[in-house]
Amino acid sequence: PFVIVCNHQASLDLMGMVEVIPERCVPIAKRELLYLGTVGWACWLSGIIFIDRHCRDTAIEVISRTASAMRQENVR
């Protein structure tokens, strides 16, 4: 298992990240990206898990559920 942290500078960076992220990887992104028009729709359709950074407890809960599912499904 490993963690990849991407600090992108523009919306187009997301397209490049999609190409370098390994298969069976579970992407997590800030919820604000969901509201970026077609970029947000593409993120949602590709299965990105969104966390609300402004609500700490909810973000921790989402990450915990994701980690449990990742262990069960043997994904990174």
Protein backbone atom coordinates (compact mmCIF):
# COMPACT_ATOMS: atom_id res chain seq x y z
CA PRO A 1 0.00 0.00 0.00
CA PHE A 2 1.05 3.55 -0.58
CA VAL A 3 -0.25 7.10 -0.61
CA ILE A 4 0.15 9.48 -3.53
CA VAL A 5 -0.28 13.17 -2.73
CA CYS A 6 -0.91 15.51 -5.65
CA ASN A 7 -0.76 19.24 -5.20
CA HIS A 8 -2.12 20.45 -8.49
CA GLN A 9 -2.08 24.07 -9.57
CA ALA A 10 -4.84 24.12 -12.21
CA SER A 11 -7.87 22.12 -13.32
CA LEU A 12 -5.95 20.69 -16.27
CA ASP A 13 -3.49 19.06 -13.88
CA LEU A 14 -6.25 16.57 -13.03
CA MET A 15 -6.02 15.15 -16.55
CA GLY A 16 -2.32 14.46 -16.13
CA MET A 17 -2.81 12.89 -12.72
CA VAL A 18 -5.36 10.46 -14.17
CA GLU A 19 -2.65 9.16 -16.48
CA VAL A 20 -0.04 8.53 -13.76
CA ILE A 21 -2.22 7.15 -10.95
CA PRO A 22 -1.91 3.34 -10.80
CA GLU A 23 -4.80 0.97 -11.46
CA ARG A 24 -6.92 -0.10 -8.50
CA CYS A 25 -6.09 3.18 -6.76
CA VAL A 26 -8.75 4.92 -4.68
CA PRO A 27 -8.63 8.67 -5.27
CA ILE A 28 -9.84 11.05 -2.55
CA ALA A 29 -10.37 14.75 -3.25
CA LYS A 30 -11.71 17.82 -1.51
CA ARG A 31 -15.45 18.26 -1.94
CA GLU A 32 -14.99 21.68 -3.55
CA LEU A 33 -13.82 19.96 -6.74
CA LEU A 34 -17.28 18.47 -7.15
CA TYR A 35 -18.62 21.92 -8.01
CA LEU A 36 -16.18 22.72 -10.85
CA GLY A 37 -18.66 22.11 -13.68
CA THR A 38 -17.61 19.41 -16.12
CA VAL A 39 -14.42 18.72 -14.15
CA GLY A 40 -16.54 17.96 -11.08
CA TRP A 41 -18.84 15.69 -13.07
CA ALA A 42 -15.86 13.85 -14.53
CA CYS A 43 -14.39 13.39 -11.04
CA TRP A 44 -17.68 12.09 -9.69
CA LEU A 45 -18.19 9.72 -12.63
CA SER A 46 -14.66 8.36 -12.27
CA GLY A 47 -15.36 7.30 -8.70
CA ILE A 48 -13.40 9.87 -6.75
CA ILE A 49 -14.36 9.94 -3.08
CA PHE A 50 -14.99 13.48 -1.89
CA ILE A 51 -14.33 14.72 1.64
CA ASP A 52 -15.58 17.93 3.22
CA ARG A 53 -12.51 19.53 4.75
CA HIS A 54 -14.66 22.04 6.64
CA CYS A 55 -16.42 19.31 8.63
CA ARG A 56 -13.63 17.36 10.32
CA ASP A 57 -15.78 14.60 11.85
CA THR A 58 -17.53 13.82 8.57
CA ALA A 59 -14.20 13.81 6.69
CA ILE A 60 -12.69 11.35 9.19
CA GLU A 61 -15.76 9.13 8.93
CA VAL A 62 -15.59 9.05 5.11
CA ILE A 63 -11.86 8.26 5.17
CA SER A 64 -12.38 5.51 7.77
CA ARG A 65 -15.15 3.87 5.71
CA THR A 66 -12.99 4.14 2.61
CA ALA A 67 -10.01 2.54 4.37
CA SER A 68 -12.19 -0.36 5.55
CA ALA A 69 -13.56 -0.93 2.05
CA MET A 70 -10.03 -0.75 0.61
CA ARG A 71 -8.82 -3.46 2.99
CA GLN A 72 -11.80 -5.68 2.15
CA GLU A 73 -11.38 -5.25 -1.61
CA ASN A 74 -7.56 -5.31 -1.52
CA VAL A 75 -7.07 -2.02 -3.35
CA ARG A 76 -4.51 0.72 -2.82
